[in-house]
Amino acid sequence: IELEVITMADYQIEGGPDFGWPHASLSWVNPSPNMPRLSTAIQYAGTVLLEGTKLSEGRGTTRPLEIFGAPGLPAQLIAENLKKDFLSWTKGCVVRPAYFEPTFHKFKGELVSALQIHVDGPFYNHSDFKPYRLVSAFLKLVRRSMPDFDLWLKPPYEYEREKMPIDILSGDDRLRLWVEDKSADAKDLDKILKFDEQSWAEERRPFLLYQK
């Protein structure tokens, strides 16, 4: 097709997400019933991975995809180990233990022990926040602390009937295998992710319309 992309006028990309939202004449419009806030959208690149697990991703609460866990989850221990083993992956946000009781979806009516990610305060740093790494570390620590928990959701998922849902969401099986590998640590996954991130940065470079 013949396609012309028309750039937006007066768009300042370096501004990043504005937590004075709504600002100017813009209002937040939910792109999904389970994305009610700007902070949900910011976390989504990581917390969407939880759809491929049997953990609750917070559906059935007022904070879907910001709060997540399972009954009996050692949330305090996991929060402590996040800081201990994955400190660089927790920057730019606040993570705290929490509890919730979903009104529908996974663990409906049960008390869920959970973690909640906060990105809606002055502590938030858009450049430092790494939601994919943060949730990956969470899954790793769930497997470590609850080795008998049936973590992975089985097919079918969406329109796919054979592939594991977590593999679809993460792109392939490398995240799942990293979580299951007891000897693998942060640097092993970081090596994989950095290679992909560098490749993507090069691929997208010609299409960055708002770079100065």
N, C-alpha and C. Protein backbone atom coordinates (compact mmCIF):
# COMPACT_ATOMS: atom_id res chain seq x y z
N ILE A 1 0.84 -1.19 0.00
CA ILE A 1 0.00 0.00 0.00
C ILE A 1 0.88 1.25 0.00
N GLU A 2 0.31 2.35 -0.44
CA GLU A 2 0.98 3.64 -0.33
C GLU A 2 0.58 4.23 1.02
N LEU A 3 1.57 4.39 1.88
CA LEU A 3 1.29 4.82 3.24
C LEU A 3 2.09 6.07 3.58
N GLU A 4 1.41 7.07 4.09
CA GLU A 4 2.08 8.28 4.58
C GLU A 4 1.78 8.42 6.07
N VAL A 5 2.83 8.49 6.89
CA VAL A 5 2.67 8.69 8.32
C VAL A 5 2.81 10.17 8.61
N ILE A 6 1.81 10.75 9.21
CA ILE A 6 1.79 12.18 9.51
C ILE A 6 2.12 12.36 10.99
N THR A 7 3.15 13.09 11.28
CA THR A 7 3.56 13.28 12.67
C THR A 7 2.61 14.23 13.41
N MET A 8 2.54 14.06 14.72
CA MET A 8 1.72 14.93 15.56
C MET A 8 2.44 16.25 15.79
N ALA A 9 1.69 17.29 15.86
CA ALA A 9 2.26 18.61 16.13
C ALA A 9 2.48 18.79 17.62
N ASP A 10 3.59 19.41 17.97
CA ASP A 10 3.88 19.82 19.35
C ASP A 10 3.95 18.64 20.33
N TYR A 11 4.34 17.46 19.86
CA TYR A 11 4.47 16.30 20.74
C TYR A 11 5.89 16.26 21.28
N GLN A 12 6.03 16.27 22.61
CA GLN A 12 7.33 16.29 23.26
C GLN A 12 7.60 14.91 23.88
N ILE A 13 8.30 14.05 23.17
CA ILE A 13 8.49 12.68 23.64
C ILE A 13 9.34 12.62 24.90
N GLU A 14 10.23 13.58 25.09
CA GLU A 14 11.11 13.51 26.25
C GLU A 14 10.37 13.77 27.55
N GLY A 15 9.11 14.18 27.47
CA GLY A 15 8.34 14.43 28.68
C GLY A 15 8.01 13.16 29.44
N GLY A 16 7.87 12.03 28.73
CA GLY A 16 7.54 10.77 29.39
C GLY A 16 6.13 10.81 29.97
N PRO A 17 5.72 9.77 30.66
CA PRO A 17 4.40 9.77 31.30
C PRO A 17 4.26 10.90 32.31
N ASP A 18 3.15 11.54 32.29
CA ASP A 18 2.90 12.69 33.14
C ASP A 18 1.96 12.27 34.26
N PHE A 19 2.46 12.24 35.50
CA PHE A 19 1.62 11.84 36.60
C PHE A 19 0.79 12.98 37.13
N GLY A 20 0.78 14.09 36.40
CA GLY A 20 -0.24 15.09 36.65
C GLY A 20 -1.47 14.77 35.81
N TRP A 21 -1.50 13.59 35.22
CA TRP A 21 -2.57 13.18 34.33
C TRP A 21 -3.92 13.28 35.04
N PRO A 22 -4.98 13.79 34.38
CA PRO A 22 -4.93 14.31 33.02
C PRO A 22 -4.31 15.70 32.98
N HIS A 23 -3.66 16.00 31.89
CA HIS A 23 -3.02 17.29 31.75
C HIS A 23 -3.49 17.93 30.45
N ALA A 24 -3.33 19.23 30.38
CA ALA A 24 -3.80 20.00 29.23
C ALA A 24 -5.26 19.61 28.96
N SER A 25 -5.54 19.19 27.72
CA SER A 25 -6.92 18.84 27.37
C SER A 25 -7.10 17.34 27.24
N LEU A 26 -6.11 16.55 27.71
CA LEU A 26 -6.16 15.11 27.52
C LEU A 26 -6.76 14.41 28.74
N SER A 27 -7.57 13.41 28.48
CA SER A 27 -8.15 12.59 29.54
C SER A 27 -7.71 11.14 29.35
N TRP A 28 -7.60 10.40 30.45
CA TRP A 28 -7.27 8.98 30.37
C TRP A 28 -8.52 8.20 29.96
N VAL A 29 -8.39 7.41 28.90
CA VAL A 29 -9.47 6.56 28.42
C VAL A 29 -9.00 5.11 28.51
N ASN A 30 -9.74 4.28 29.22
CA ASN A 30 -9.34 2.89 29.38
C ASN A 30 -9.26 2.19 28.02
N PRO A 31 -8.10 1.64 27.65
CA PRO A 31 -8.03 0.82 26.44
C PRO A 31 -8.58 -0.58 26.67
N SER A 32 -8.80 -0.93 27.94
CA SER A 32 -9.33 -2.23 28.32
C SER A 32 -9.98 -2.08 29.68
N PRO A 33 -11.00 -2.91 29.98
CA PRO A 33 -11.60 -2.85 31.33
C PRO A 33 -10.59 -3.17 32.42
N ASN A 34 -9.53 -3.91 32.08
CA ASN A 34 -8.52 -4.26 33.07
C ASN A 34 -7.29 -3.37 33.00
N MET A 35 -7.44 -2.20 32.38
CA MET A 35 -6.37 -1.21 32.40
C MET A 35 -6.99 0.14 32.76
N PRO A 36 -7.37 0.30 34.03
CA PRO A 36 -8.13 1.48 34.42
C PRO A 36 -7.31 2.72 34.69
N ARG A 37 -5.98 2.59 34.76
CA ARG A 37 -5.15 3.73 35.14
C ARG A 37 -3.91 3.79 34.27
N LEU A 38 -3.32 4.97 34.20
CA LEU A 38 -2.05 5.13 33.48
C LEU A 38 -0.98 4.22 34.08
N SER A 39 -0.97 4.07 35.40
CA SER A 39 0.04 3.23 36.03
C SER A 39 -0.09 1.78 35.61
N THR A 40 -1.32 1.33 35.32
CA THR A 40 -1.52 -0.03 34.83
C THR A 40 -0.83 -0.21 33.49
N ALA A 41 -1.00 0.78 32.61
CA ALA A 41 -0.40 0.71 31.28
C ALA A 41 1.12 0.68 31.37
N ILE A 42 1.68 1.43 32.30
CA ILE A 42 3.14 1.49 32.44
C ILE A 42 3.70 0.13 32.89
N GLN A 43 2.95 -0.58 33.73
CA GLN A 43 3.42 -1.87 34.24
C GLN A 43 3.13 -3.04 33.30
N TYR A 44 2.23 -2.84 32.37
CA TYR A 44 1.66 -3.93 31.58
C TYR A 44 2.71 -4.78 30.85
N ALA A 45 3.78 -4.16 30.39
CA ALA A 45 4.81 -4.92 29.65
C ALA A 45 5.40 -6.04 30.49
N GLY A 46 5.29 -5.95 31.81
CA GLY A 46 5.76 -7.02 32.68
C GLY A 46 4.63 -7.84 33.26
N THR A 47 3.62 -7.17 33.78
CA THR A 47 2.57 -7.88 34.50
C THR A 47 1.68 -8.70 33.58
N VAL A 48 1.66 -8.41 32.29
CA VAL A 48 0.88 -9.24 31.37
C VAL A 48 1.40 -10.68 31.35
N LEU A 49 2.68 -10.89 31.71
CA LEU A 49 3.23 -12.25 31.76
C LEU A 49 2.45 -13.13 32.72
N LEU A 50 1.83 -12.53 33.73
CA LEU A 50 1.11 -13.31 34.74
C LEU A 50 -0.13 -13.99 34.16
N GLU A 51 -0.59 -13.54 33.00
CA GLU A 51 -1.70 -14.21 32.33
C GLU A 51 -1.31 -15.62 31.91
N GLY A 52 -0.02 -15.86 31.75
CA GLY A 52 0.45 -17.18 31.36
C GLY A 52 0.74 -18.09 32.54
N THR A 53 0.31 -17.68 33.72
CA THR A 53 0.54 -18.45 34.95
C THR A 53 -0.78 -18.71 35.66
N LYS A 54 -0.71 -19.52 36.72
CA LYS A 54 -1.88 -19.77 37.56
C LYS A 54 -1.93 -18.82 38.75
N LEU A 55 -1.03 -17.85 38.77
CA LEU A 55 -1.09 -16.77 39.75
C LEU A 55 -2.18 -15.79 39.36
N SER A 56 -2.77 -15.15 40.34
CA SER A 56 -3.73 -14.09 40.05
C SER A 56 -2.99 -12.84 39.62
N GLU A 57 -3.42 -12.24 38.53
CA GLU A 57 -2.84 -10.98 38.07
C GLU A 57 -3.68 -9.79 38.55
N GLY A 58 -4.55 -10.04 39.53
CA GLY A 58 -5.32 -8.95 40.12
C GLY A 58 -6.65 -8.69 39.47
N ARG A 59 -7.04 -9.49 38.47
CA ARG A 59 -8.39 -9.34 37.94
C ARG A 59 -9.38 -9.67 39.05
N GLY A 60 -10.47 -8.91 39.08
CA GLY A 60 -11.41 -9.04 40.17
C GLY A 60 -11.13 -8.08 41.30
N THR A 61 -10.17 -7.17 41.09
CA THR A 61 -9.87 -6.10 42.04
C THR A 61 -9.89 -4.77 41.31
N THR A 62 -9.69 -3.69 42.05
CA THR A 62 -9.64 -2.37 41.42
C THR A 62 -8.24 -2.04 40.89
N ARG A 63 -7.29 -2.98 41.07
CA ARG A 63 -5.91 -2.75 40.62
C ARG A 63 -5.40 -3.92 39.79
N PRO A 64 -6.14 -4.32 38.74
CA PRO A 64 -5.66 -5.42 37.91
C PRO A 64 -4.32 -5.07 37.27
N LEU A 65 -3.45 -6.09 37.19
CA LEU A 65 -2.14 -5.96 36.56
C LEU A 65 -1.21 -5.00 37.30
N GLU A 66 -1.58 -4.67 38.54
CA GLU A 66 -0.69 -3.93 39.43
C GLU A 66 -0.46 -4.68 40.73
N ILE A 67 -1.33 -5.64 41.00
CA ILE A 67 -1.25 -6.43 42.23
C ILE A 67 -1.44 -7.90 41.85
N PHE A 68 -0.63 -8.80 42.42
CA PHE A 68 -0.63 -10.17 41.90
C PHE A 68 -0.08 -11.13 42.94
N GLY A 69 -0.56 -12.37 42.91
CA GLY A 69 -0.09 -13.36 43.87
C GLY A 69 -0.95 -14.60 43.88
N ALA A 70 -0.95 -15.31 45.02
CA ALA A 70 -1.70 -16.54 45.19
C ALA A 70 -1.90 -16.79 46.68
N PRO A 71 -2.92 -17.55 47.05
CA PRO A 71 -3.07 -17.91 48.47
C PRO A 71 -1.83 -18.64 48.98
N GLY A 72 -1.36 -18.25 50.14
CA GLY A 72 -0.19 -18.90 50.73
C GLY A 72 1.14 -18.43 50.21
N LEU A 73 1.16 -17.49 49.30
CA LEU A 73 2.42 -16.98 48.76
C LEU A 73 3.22 -16.27 49.86
N PRO A 74 4.50 -16.59 50.04
CA PRO A 74 5.31 -15.89 51.05
C PRO A 74 5.74 -14.52 50.54
N ALA A 75 4.80 -13.60 50.50
CA ALA A 75 5.02 -12.30 49.86
C ALA A 75 6.15 -11.51 50.50
N GLN A 76 6.21 -11.50 51.82
CA GLN A 76 7.26 -10.75 52.50
C GLN A 76 8.64 -11.29 52.14
N LEU A 77 8.77 -12.61 52.13
CA LEU A 77 10.05 -13.23 51.78
C LEU A 77 10.43 -12.92 50.34
N ILE A 78 9.47 -13.00 49.45
CA ILE A 78 9.75 -12.70 48.04
C ILE A 78 10.15 -11.24 47.87
N ALA A 79 9.48 -10.34 48.56
CA ALA A 79 9.84 -8.92 48.48
C ALA A 79 11.27 -8.69 48.96
N GLU A 80 11.64 -9.37 50.03
CA GLU A 80 13.00 -9.24 50.56
C GLU A 80 14.03 -9.81 49.58
N ASN A 81 13.70 -10.94 48.97
CA ASN A 81 14.64 -11.56 48.03
C ASN A 81 14.73 -10.81 46.71
N LEU A 82 13.69 -10.09 46.36
CA LEU A 82 13.78 -9.21 45.19
C LEU A 82 14.90 -8.19 45.39
N LYS A 83 14.92 -7.59 46.57
CA LYS A 83 15.95 -6.61 46.88
C LYS A 83 17.33 -7.26 47.01
N LYS A 84 17.34 -8.48 47.51
CA LYS A 84 18.61 -9.17 47.74
C LYS A 84 19.25 -9.67 46.44
N ASP A 85 18.46 -10.31 45.59
CA ASP A 85 19.00 -10.99 44.42
C ASP A 85 18.78 -10.26 43.10
N PHE A 86 17.83 -9.29 43.09
CA PHE A 86 17.49 -8.62 41.83
C PHE A 86 17.34 -7.12 42.05
N LEU A 87 18.22 -6.54 42.84
CA LEU A 87 18.09 -5.15 43.24
C LEU A 87 17.98 -4.21 42.04
N SER A 88 18.83 -4.41 41.02
CA SER A 88 18.83 -3.50 39.88
C SER A 88 17.54 -3.58 39.06
N TRP A 89 16.78 -4.67 39.26
CA TRP A 89 15.52 -4.84 38.53
C TRP A 89 14.33 -4.26 39.28
N THR A 90 14.57 -3.71 40.46
CA THR A 90 13.49 -3.14 41.27
C THR A 90 13.53 -1.61 41.30
N LYS A 91 14.43 -1.02 40.53
CA LYS A 91 14.59 0.43 40.57
C LYS A 91 13.42 1.14 39.89
N GLY A 92 13.22 2.38 40.30
CA GLY A 92 12.24 3.23 39.65
C GLY A 92 10.81 3.03 40.12
N CYS A 93 10.61 2.17 41.12
CA CYS A 93 9.27 1.89 41.60
C CYS A 93 9.33 1.49 43.07
N VAL A 94 8.20 1.22 43.65
CA VAL A 94 8.11 0.66 45.00
C VAL A 94 7.33 -0.64 44.91
N VAL A 95 7.86 -1.70 45.52
CA VAL A 95 7.18 -3.00 45.57
C VAL A 95 6.91 -3.33 47.03
N ARG A 96 5.67 -3.69 47.34
CA ARG A 96 5.34 -3.99 48.73
C ARG A 96 4.43 -5.22 48.81
N PRO A 97 4.50 -5.96 49.92
CA PRO A 97 3.56 -7.06 50.15
C PRO A 97 2.15 -6.50 50.34
N ALA A 98 1.16 -7.25 49.91
CA ALA A 98 -0.22 -6.80 50.03
C ALA A 98 -1.14 -8.03 50.04
N TYR A 99 -2.42 -7.80 50.31
CA TYR A 99 -3.42 -8.87 50.29
C TYR A 99 -4.65 -8.37 49.54
N PHE A 100 -5.33 -9.29 48.87
CA PHE A 100 -6.58 -8.94 48.22
C PHE A 100 -7.46 -10.17 48.09
N GLU A 101 -8.75 -9.92 47.84
CA GLU A 101 -9.72 -11.00 47.64
C GLU A 101 -10.46 -10.73 46.34
N PRO A 102 -10.15 -11.45 45.27
CA PRO A 102 -10.79 -11.19 43.99
C PRO A 102 -12.30 -11.45 44.03
N THR A 103 -13.05 -10.61 43.36
CA THR A 103 -14.50 -10.81 43.25
C THR A 103 -14.85 -11.71 42.07
N PHE A 104 -13.89 -11.95 41.17
CA PHE A 104 -14.06 -12.89 40.08
C PHE A 104 -12.69 -13.32 39.58
N HIS A 105 -12.66 -14.26 38.65
CA HIS A 105 -11.44 -14.77 38.02
C HIS A 105 -10.66 -15.65 38.99
N LYS A 106 -9.34 -15.75 38.85
CA LYS A 106 -8.54 -16.68 39.63
C LYS A 106 -8.68 -16.41 41.14
N PHE A 107 -8.86 -17.48 41.90
CA PHE A 107 -8.97 -17.42 43.37
C PHE A 107 -10.12 -16.54 43.85
N LYS A 108 -11.22 -16.56 43.10
CA LYS A 108 -12.39 -15.77 43.50
C LYS A 108 -12.78 -16.08 44.94
N GLY A 109 -12.92 -15.03 45.76
CA GLY A 109 -13.37 -15.17 47.13
C GLY A 109 -12.33 -15.68 48.10
N GLU A 110 -11.10 -15.89 47.63
CA GLU A 110 -10.03 -16.36 48.51
C GLU A 110 -9.09 -15.21 48.87
N LEU A 111 -8.44 -15.32 50.01
CA LEU A 111 -7.46 -14.32 50.40
C LEU A 111 -6.15 -14.61 49.67
N VAL A 112 -5.73 -13.67 48.87
CA VAL A 112 -4.52 -13.81 48.06
C VAL A 112 -3.39 -13.01 48.69
N SER A 113 -2.29 -13.67 48.96
CA SER A 113 -1.07 -13.00 49.42
C SER A 113 -0.33 -12.54 48.17
N ALA A 114 0.11 -11.30 48.16
CA ALA A 114 0.53 -10.71 46.89
C ALA A 114 1.63 -9.68 47.05
N LEU A 115 2.11 -9.23 45.90
CA LEU A 115 2.94 -8.04 45.81
C LEU A 115 2.19 -6.99 45.00
N GLN A 116 2.43 -5.74 45.32
CA GLN A 116 1.87 -4.64 44.55
C GLN A 116 3.00 -3.74 44.09
N ILE A 117 2.98 -3.37 42.82
CA ILE A 117 3.96 -2.44 42.26
C ILE A 117 3.35 -1.05 42.22
N HIS A 118 4.08 -0.08 42.73
CA HIS A 118 3.63 1.32 42.70
C HIS A 118 4.55 2.12 41.77
N VAL A 119 3.92 2.79 40.82
CA VAL A 119 4.68 3.67 39.92
C VAL A 119 4.02 5.05 39.85
N ASP A 120 3.24 5.38 40.87
CA ASP A 120 2.45 6.60 40.82
C ASP A 120 2.86 7.60 41.91
N GLY A 121 4.16 7.70 42.14
CA GLY A 121 4.67 8.65 43.11
C GLY A 121 5.96 9.29 42.64
N PRO A 122 6.53 10.18 43.44
CA PRO A 122 7.77 10.86 43.06
C PRO A 122 8.96 9.93 42.95
N PHE A 123 8.86 8.73 43.48
CA PHE A 123 9.93 7.74 43.41
C PHE A 123 10.03 7.10 42.02
N TYR A 124 8.98 7.26 41.20
CA TYR A 124 8.96 6.60 39.89
C TYR A 124 9.99 7.22 38.96
N ASN A 125 10.72 6.36 38.26
CA ASN A 125 11.68 6.81 37.26
C ASN A 125 11.46 5.98 36.00
N HIS A 126 11.04 6.65 34.95
CA HIS A 126 10.66 5.95 33.72
C HIS A 126 11.83 5.21 33.09
N SER A 127 13.02 5.78 33.18
CA SER A 127 14.20 5.15 32.58
C SER A 127 14.67 3.94 33.37
N ASP A 128 14.50 3.98 34.70
CA ASP A 128 14.99 2.89 35.55
C ASP A 128 14.00 1.73 35.66
N PHE A 129 12.72 2.01 35.49
CA PHE A 129 11.69 0.99 35.71
C PHE A 129 11.76 -0.08 34.62
N LYS A 130 11.89 -1.34 35.03
CA LYS A 130 12.03 -2.47 34.10
C LYS A 130 10.96 -3.51 34.42
N PRO A 131 9.73 -3.32 33.97
CA PRO A 131 8.63 -4.20 34.38
C PRO A 131 8.81 -5.65 33.93
N TYR A 132 9.36 -5.88 32.75
CA TYR A 132 9.54 -7.26 32.30
C TYR A 132 10.53 -8.00 33.21
N ARG A 133 11.63 -7.36 33.52
CA ARG A 133 12.62 -7.98 34.41
C ARG A 133 12.06 -8.17 35.82
N LEU A 134 11.32 -7.19 36.30
CA LEU A 134 10.78 -7.26 37.65
C LEU A 134 9.83 -8.44 37.80
N VAL A 135 8.92 -8.61 36.86
CA VAL A 135 7.97 -9.72 36.95
C VAL A 135 8.67 -11.05 36.69
N SER A 136 9.68 -11.06 35.83
CA SER A 136 10.46 -12.28 35.63
C SER A 136 11.13 -12.72 36.93
N ALA A 137 11.69 -11.76 37.65
CA ALA A 137 12.31 -12.07 38.94
C ALA A 137 11.27 -12.58 39.93
N PHE A 138 10.09 -11.98 39.92
CA PHE A 138 9.01 -12.45 40.79
C PHE A 138 8.68 -13.91 40.50
N LEU A 139 8.55 -14.28 39.22
CA LEU A 139 8.25 -15.67 38.86
C LEU A 139 9.37 -16.60 39.31
N LYS A 140 10.60 -16.15 39.17
CA LYS A 140 11.74 -16.96 39.61
C LYS A 140 11.66 -17.23 41.12
N LEU A 141 11.29 -16.22 41.88
CA LEU A 141 11.23 -16.36 43.32
C LEU A 141 10.01 -17.15 43.77
N VAL A 142 8.92 -17.08 43.01
CA VAL A 142 7.77 -17.94 43.30
C VAL A 142 8.18 -19.40 43.13
N ARG A 143 8.87 -19.71 42.04
CA ARG A 143 9.31 -21.08 41.82
C ARG A 143 10.26 -21.54 42.93
N ARG A 144 11.16 -20.66 43.35
CA ARG A 144 12.12 -21.01 44.39
C ARG A 144 11.45 -21.25 45.74
N SER A 145 10.49 -20.40 46.09
CA SER A 145 9.87 -20.48 47.41
C SER A 145 8.69 -21.43 47.47
N MET A 146 8.09 -21.72 46.31
CA MET A 146 6.95 -22.63 46.25
C MET A 146 7.18 -23.65 45.14
N PRO A 147 8.16 -24.55 45.31
CA PRO A 147 8.54 -25.46 44.23
C PRO A 147 7.44 -26.40 43.77
N ASP A 148 6.45 -26.65 44.61
CA ASP A 148 5.37 -27.57 44.24
C ASP A 148 4.16 -26.85 43.64
N PHE A 149 4.21 -25.52 43.58
CA PHE A 149 3.08 -24.77 43.03
C PHE A 149 3.01 -24.99 41.52
N ASP A 150 1.80 -25.29 41.04
CA ASP A 150 1.59 -25.52 39.61
C ASP A 150 1.55 -24.16 38.92
N LEU A 151 2.71 -23.68 38.51
CA LEU A 151 2.87 -22.27 38.11
C LEU A 151 2.31 -21.95 36.74
N TRP A 152 2.56 -22.80 35.76
CA TRP A 152 2.30 -22.42 34.37
C TRP A 152 0.90 -22.82 33.91
N LEU A 153 0.20 -21.86 33.32
CA LEU A 153 -1.09 -22.13 32.70
C LEU A 153 -0.88 -22.99 31.46
N LYS A 154 -1.74 -23.95 31.25
CA LYS A 154 -1.63 -24.85 30.10
C LYS A 154 -2.46 -24.34 28.93
N PRO A 155 -2.12 -24.77 27.71
CA PRO A 155 -2.96 -24.41 26.55
C PRO A 155 -4.36 -25.01 26.71
N PRO A 156 -5.37 -24.48 26.00
CA PRO A 156 -5.27 -23.43 24.99
C PRO A 156 -5.21 -22.04 25.62
N TYR A 157 -4.71 -21.07 24.84
CA TYR A 157 -4.64 -19.68 25.26
C TYR A 157 -4.95 -18.82 24.04
N GLU A 158 -5.93 -17.93 24.19
CA GLU A 158 -6.40 -17.14 23.06
C GLU A 158 -6.78 -18.10 21.92
N TYR A 159 -6.06 -18.02 20.78
CA TYR A 159 -6.39 -18.88 19.63
C TYR A 159 -5.35 -19.97 19.41
N GLU A 160 -4.44 -20.14 20.35
CA GLU A 160 -3.37 -21.12 20.23
C GLU A 160 -3.66 -22.32 21.13
N ARG A 161 -3.54 -23.52 20.59
CA ARG A 161 -3.92 -24.71 21.34
C ARG A 161 -2.75 -25.60 21.70
N GLU A 162 -1.54 -25.27 21.28
CA GLU A 162 -0.40 -26.13 21.54
C GLU A 162 0.68 -25.46 22.37
N LYS A 163 1.03 -24.23 22.04
CA LYS A 163 2.12 -23.57 22.74
C LYS A 163 1.71 -23.17 24.15
N MET A 164 2.70 -23.18 25.06
CA MET A 164 2.44 -22.73 26.42
C MET A 164 2.10 -21.24 26.42
N PRO A 165 1.07 -20.82 27.15
CA PRO A 165 0.71 -19.40 27.18
C PRO A 165 1.87 -18.47 27.56
N ILE A 166 2.69 -18.88 28.54
CA ILE A 166 3.81 -18.02 28.94
C ILE A 166 4.81 -17.86 27.81
N ASP A 167 4.97 -18.89 26.97
CA ASP A 167 5.89 -18.80 25.84
C ASP A 167 5.36 -17.83 24.78
N ILE A 168 4.04 -17.81 24.62
CA ILE A 168 3.44 -16.86 23.67
C ILE A 168 3.64 -15.43 24.17
N LEU A 169 3.37 -15.22 25.45
CA LEU A 169 3.46 -13.88 26.01
C LEU A 169 4.88 -13.35 26.06
N SER A 170 5.85 -14.24 26.31
CA SER A 170 7.25 -13.79 26.43
C SER A 170 8.02 -13.91 25.12
N GLY A 171 7.42 -14.52 24.11
CA GLY A 171 8.08 -14.59 22.80
C GLY A 171 8.62 -15.96 22.45
N ASP A 172 9.07 -16.70 23.45
CA ASP A 172 9.56 -18.06 23.24
C ASP A 172 9.66 -18.74 24.61
N ASP A 173 10.39 -19.85 24.69
CA ASP A 173 10.42 -20.61 25.94
C ASP A 173 11.57 -20.21 26.87
N ARG A 174 12.36 -19.21 26.51
CA ARG A 174 13.56 -18.92 27.28
C ARG A 174 13.26 -18.40 28.69
N LEU A 175 12.22 -17.59 28.83
CA LEU A 175 11.87 -17.11 30.17
C LEU A 175 11.44 -18.28 31.05
N ARG A 176 10.56 -19.12 30.55
CA ARG A 176 10.09 -20.26 31.34
C ARG A 176 11.23 -21.18 31.74
N LEU A 177 12.14 -21.44 30.81
CA LEU A 177 13.27 -22.31 31.12
C LEU A 177 14.20 -21.66 32.14
N TRP A 178 14.36 -20.35 32.07
CA TRP A 178 15.18 -19.62 33.05
C TRP A 178 14.57 -19.72 34.44
N VAL A 179 13.26 -19.56 34.52
CA VAL A 179 12.58 -19.66 35.81
C VAL A 179 12.77 -21.06 36.40
N GLU A 180 12.70 -22.07 35.57
CA GLU A 180 12.77 -23.45 36.05
C GLU A 180 14.20 -23.91 36.34
N ASP A 181 15.19 -23.21 35.81
CA ASP A 181 16.59 -23.60 36.00
C ASP A 181 17.10 -23.08 37.34
N LYS A 182 17.31 -23.97 38.29
CA LYS A 182 17.73 -23.57 39.64
C LYS A 182 19.09 -22.88 39.66
N SER A 183 19.93 -23.16 38.68
CA SER A 183 21.28 -22.59 38.66
C SER A 183 21.34 -21.24 37.95
N ALA A 184 20.27 -20.87 37.25
CA ALA A 184 20.27 -19.63 36.48
C ALA A 184 20.01 -18.44 37.40
N ASP A 185 20.70 -17.33 37.14
CA ASP A 185 20.51 -16.13 37.95
C ASP A 185 20.20 -14.93 37.06
N ALA A 186 20.21 -13.74 37.66
CA ALA A 186 19.81 -12.53 36.95
C ALA A 186 20.66 -12.28 35.70
N LYS A 187 21.95 -12.49 35.80
CA LYS A 187 22.81 -12.16 34.67
C LYS A 187 22.53 -13.06 33.46
N ASP A 188 22.04 -14.27 33.69
CA ASP A 188 21.74 -15.18 32.58
C ASP A 188 20.56 -14.67 31.76
N LEU A 189 19.50 -14.21 32.43
CA LEU A 189 18.37 -13.66 31.69
C LEU A 189 18.71 -12.30 31.12
N ASP A 190 19.48 -11.52 31.86
CA ASP A 190 19.86 -10.19 31.39
C ASP A 190 20.64 -10.27 30.07
N LYS A 191 21.47 -11.27 29.93
CA LYS A 191 22.25 -11.44 28.71
C LYS A 191 21.34 -11.66 27.51
N ILE A 192 20.31 -12.48 27.70
CA ILE A 192 19.34 -12.74 26.63
C ILE A 192 18.58 -11.47 26.28
N LEU A 193 18.10 -10.78 27.30
CA LEU A 193 17.26 -9.60 27.08
C LEU A 193 18.04 -8.46 26.45
N LYS A 194 19.28 -8.26 26.87
CA LYS A 194 20.07 -7.16 26.32
C LYS A 194 20.34 -7.36 24.84
N PHE A 195 20.58 -8.61 24.43
CA PHE A 195 20.79 -8.89 23.00
C PHE A 195 19.54 -8.53 22.21
N ASP A 196 18.37 -8.95 22.70
CA ASP A 196 17.12 -8.64 22.01
C ASP A 196 16.83 -7.14 22.02
N GLU A 197 17.12 -6.48 23.13
CA GLU A 197 16.87 -5.04 23.22
C GLU A 197 17.75 -4.26 22.26
N GLN A 198 19.01 -4.66 22.12
CA GLN A 198 19.91 -3.99 21.19
C GLN A 198 19.47 -4.20 19.75
N SER A 199 19.02 -5.41 19.44
CA SER A 199 18.54 -5.70 18.09
C SER A 199 17.30 -4.88 17.77
N TRP A 200 16.40 -4.77 18.74
CA TRP A 200 15.18 -3.99 18.54
C TRP A 200 15.50 -2.50 18.40
N ALA A 201 16.44 -2.00 19.17
CA ALA A 201 16.81 -0.59 19.07
C ALA A 201 17.30 -0.25 17.67
N GLU A 202 18.07 -1.16 17.07
CA GLU A 202 18.57 -0.93 15.71
C GLU A 202 17.44 -1.03 14.69
N GLU A 203 16.56 -2.00 14.87
CA GLU A 203 15.48 -2.22 13.91
C GLU A 203 14.50 -1.05 13.88
N ARG A 204 14.24 -0.46 15.04
CA ARG A 204 13.25 0.60 15.11
C ARG A 204 13.80 1.99 14.80
N ARG A 205 15.13 2.12 14.78
CA ARG A 205 15.75 3.44 14.65
C ARG A 205 15.21 4.26 13.49
N PRO A 206 15.02 3.69 12.29
CA PRO A 206 14.54 4.50 11.17
C PRO A 206 13.12 5.03 11.34
N PHE A 207 12.40 4.49 12.32
CA PHE A 207 10.99 4.84 12.45
C PHE A 207 10.70 5.75 13.63
N LEU A 208 11.73 6.25 14.29
CA LEU A 208 11.53 7.15 15.42
C LEU A 208 11.27 8.56 14.89
N LEU A 209 10.03 8.95 14.93
CA LEU A 209 9.60 10.18 14.27
C LEU A 209 9.87 11.44 15.09
N TYR A 210 10.06 11.30 16.40
CA TYR A 210 10.09 12.47 17.26
C TYR A 210 11.43 12.70 17.92
N GLN A 211 12.45 12.01 17.47
CA GLN A 211 13.79 12.25 18.00
C GLN A 211 14.31 13.57 17.51
N LYS A 212 14.99 14.28 18.41
CA LYS A 212 15.56 15.56 17.98
C LYS A 212 16.78 15.34 17.11
